[in-house]
Amino acid sequence: MSKISGKTETIENVESATFDPSKASEHVRAVAAHVVEQSKEGHSELRSGAETTLRALESSFEIVKTSGNEVSLNAVAILRANTEAYFTHLEALATVKSLSEFVELQTAFVRKQMEQSVEQAKNFQATAMRATEGLSKPIRNAFEKALTELKAA
């Protein structure tokens, strides 16, 4: 037999590790079970996140529809009020008997329209802000929830 250099024992006296197939298959089975469990957990988390996102988007689309209608109705109301004011002013101008009366009517109308325009702009801005806040709320909530879950994990 061959000898290991510097050793007095022969290779036959050295114990070698034996390969036990039953232990190897148990180990492979345990690893596979662990991988399957992790995959199920990952799938569950992914599905939960997708469902949360879907609910947020559905809510956002509903808010877009509602808010869009509100903004449109507000714009139509502003146009209607302005149109009626212009026609009323034209009717008043048709009955004017002097230049000074015309200037007085015109000045009062312009002043009133400017004040009304400022008020209408404020109302329209408030409506648009509510629409924007309503639109962003579901997505913001979903994002905050996802961040909270990430921090917890």
Protein backbone atom coordinates (compact mmCIF):
# COMPACT_ATOMS: atom_id res chain seq x y z
CA MET A 1 0.00 0.00 0.00
CA SER A 2 1.02 3.56 -0.48
CA LYS A 3 1.97 5.67 2.41
CA ILE A 4 1.22 9.27 3.16
CA SER A 5 4.49 11.13 3.24
CA GLY A 6 5.68 11.75 6.78
CA LYS A 7 3.01 9.46 8.24
CA THR A 8 3.44 5.95 9.48
CA GLU A 9 -0.17 4.88 8.84
CA THR A 10 -1.39 3.51 5.61
CA ILE A 11 -4.50 4.73 3.78
CA GLU A 12 -6.34 1.57 4.78
CA ASN A 13 -6.28 2.64 8.42
CA VAL A 14 -7.82 6.07 7.69
CA GLU A 15 -11.57 6.33 8.01
CA SER A 16 -13.32 8.00 5.10
CA ALA A 17 -16.67 9.72 5.19
CA THR A 18 -19.32 7.52 3.78
CA PHE A 19 -22.13 8.81 1.55
CA ASP A 20 -25.53 7.99 2.96
CA PRO A 21 -28.16 8.46 0.20
CA SER A 22 -31.07 8.40 2.66
CA LYS A 23 -29.66 11.39 4.54
CA ALA A 24 -28.96 13.24 1.30
CA SER A 25 -32.49 12.73 0.01
CA GLU A 26 -33.89 13.90 3.37
CA HIS A 27 -31.76 17.02 3.14
CA VAL A 28 -32.84 17.69 -0.47
CA ARG A 29 -36.48 17.16 0.54
CA ALA A 30 -36.12 19.57 3.47
CA VAL A 31 -34.51 22.22 1.25
CA ALA A 32 -37.21 21.78 -1.40
CA ALA A 33 -39.95 22.09 1.23
CA HIS A 34 -38.33 25.27 2.55
CA VAL A 35 -38.10 26.75 -0.97
CA VAL A 36 -41.75 25.89 -1.65
CA GLU A 37 -42.81 27.52 1.63
CA GLN A 38 -40.84 30.67 0.85
CA SER A 39 -42.36 30.76 -2.66
CA LYS A 40 -45.86 30.47 -1.20
CA GLU A 41 -45.15 33.31 1.24
CA GLY A 42 -43.71 35.47 -1.57
CA HIS A 43 -46.70 34.74 -3.79
CA SER A 44 -49.08 35.59 -0.96
CA GLU A 45 -47.34 38.91 -0.30
CA LEU A 46 -47.24 39.74 -4.01
CA ARG A 47 -50.93 38.90 -4.40
CA SER A 48 -51.84 40.97 -1.35
CA GLY A 49 -49.89 43.94 -2.72
CA ALA A 50 -51.50 43.58 -6.13
CA GLU A 51 -54.99 43.46 -4.60
CA THR A 52 -54.25 46.55 -2.51
CA THR A 53 -52.99 48.39 -5.58
CA LEU A 54 -56.01 47.31 -7.59
CA ARG A 55 -58.40 48.56 -4.90
CA ALA A 56 -56.53 51.88 -4.75
CA LEU A 57 -56.70 52.28 -8.53
CA GLU A 58 -60.39 51.39 -8.65
CA SER A 59 -61.09 53.92 -5.92
CA SER A 60 -59.01 56.53 -7.75
CA PHE A 61 -60.88 55.96 -11.02
CA GLU A 62 -64.21 56.35 -9.23
CA ILE A 63 -62.98 59.57 -7.62
CA VAL A 64 -61.75 60.83 -11.01
CA LYS A 65 -65.19 60.24 -12.45
CA THR A 66 -67.00 61.94 -9.55
CA SER A 67 -64.52 64.81 -9.31
CA GLY A 68 -64.51 65.31 -13.06
CA ASN A 69 -68.28 65.65 -13.00
CA GLU A 70 -68.08 68.12 -10.12
CA VAL A 71 -65.46 70.24 -11.88
CA SER A 72 -67.44 70.16 -15.15
CA LEU A 73 -70.67 71.17 -13.42
CA ASN A 74 -68.85 73.98 -11.64
CA ALA A 75 -67.43 75.25 -14.96
CA VAL A 76 -70.87 75.11 -16.60
CA ALA A 77 -72.40 77.02 -13.68
CA ILE A 78 -69.73 79.72 -14.01
CA LEU A 79 -70.33 80.02 -17.77
CA ARG A 80 -74.09 80.16 -17.28
CA ALA A 81 -73.84 82.88 -14.62
CA ASN A 82 -71.48 84.97 -16.75
CA THR A 83 -73.64 84.57 -19.86
CA GLU A 84 -76.77 85.59 -18.01
CA ALA A 85 -74.96 88.60 -16.54
CA TYR A 86 -73.79 89.70 -20.01
CA PHE A 87 -77.30 89.40 -21.48
CA THR A 88 -78.80 91.32 -18.55
CA HIS A 89 -76.15 94.00 -19.04
CA LEU A 90 -76.88 94.22 -22.77
CA GLU A 91 -80.58 94.65 -22.01
CA ALA A 92 -79.74 97.45 -19.59
CA LEU A 93 -77.47 99.11 -22.15
CA ALA A 94 -80.28 99.04 -24.71
CA THR A 95 -82.32 101.40 -22.52
CA VAL A 96 -79.49 103.93 -21.97
CA LYS A 97 -80.47 107.55 -22.73
CA SER A 98 -77.12 109.32 -22.24
CA LEU A 99 -73.40 108.75 -22.47
CA SER A 100 -72.93 109.28 -18.73
CA GLU A 101 -75.55 106.61 -17.98
CA PHE A 102 -73.74 104.25 -20.38
CA VAL A 103 -70.38 104.85 -18.67
CA GLU A 104 -71.95 104.40 -15.23
CA LEU A 105 -73.64 101.11 -16.24
CA GLN A 106 -70.49 99.85 -17.95
CA THR A 107 -68.25 100.71 -14.98
CA ALA A 108 -70.60 99.05 -12.49
CA PHE A 109 -70.85 95.96 -14.69
CA VAL A 110 -67.09 95.61 -15.10
CA ARG A 111 -66.54 96.07 -11.35
CA LYS A 112 -69.21 93.50 -10.52
CA GLN A 113 -67.84 91.02 -13.08
CA MET A 114 -64.32 91.39 -11.72
CA GLU A 115 -65.51 90.68 -8.18
CA GLN A 116 -67.60 87.78 -9.41
CA SER A 117 -64.66 86.39 -11.41
CA VAL A 118 -62.45 86.42 -8.32
CA GLU A 119 -65.14 84.58 -6.33
CA GLN A 120 -65.70 82.09 -9.15
CA ALA A 121 -61.96 81.43 -9.41
CA LYS A 122 -61.77 80.76 -5.66
CA ASN A 123 -64.70 78.33 -5.84
CA PHE A 124 -63.28 76.60 -8.90
CA GLN A 125 -59.87 76.30 -7.25
CA ALA A 126 -61.45 74.79 -4.12
CA THR A 127 -63.33 72.26 -6.26
CA ALA A 128 -60.16 71.36 -8.16
CA MET A 129 -58.19 70.98 -4.91
CA ARG A 130 -60.84 68.65 -3.46
CA ALA A 131 -60.70 66.62 -6.66
CA THR A 132 -56.90 66.40 -6.53
CA GLU A 133 -56.87 65.43 -2.86
CA GLY A 134 -59.57 62.84 -3.43
CA LEU A 135 -57.64 61.39 -6.35
CA SER A 136 -54.35 61.10 -4.52
CA LYS A 137 -55.76 59.79 -1.22
CA PRO A 138 -56.27 56.08 -2.15
CA ILE A 139 -52.87 55.82 -3.82
CA ARG A 140 -51.17 57.67 -0.95
CA ASN A 141 -52.84 55.34 1.58
CA ALA A 142 -51.76 52.24 -0.37
CA PHE A 143 -48.19 53.57 -0.61
CA GLU A 144 -48.08 54.35 3.11
CA LYS A 145 -49.43 50.89 3.92
CA ALA A 146 -46.78 49.28 1.73
CA LEU A 147 -44.04 51.31 3.42
CA THR A 148 -45.34 50.33 6.86
CA GLU A 149 -45.35 46.66 5.88
CA LEU A 150 -41.83 46.96 4.48
CA LYS A 151 -40.57 48.52 7.69
CA ALA A 152 -42.27 45.79 9.73
CA ALA A 153 -40.62 43.06 7.66
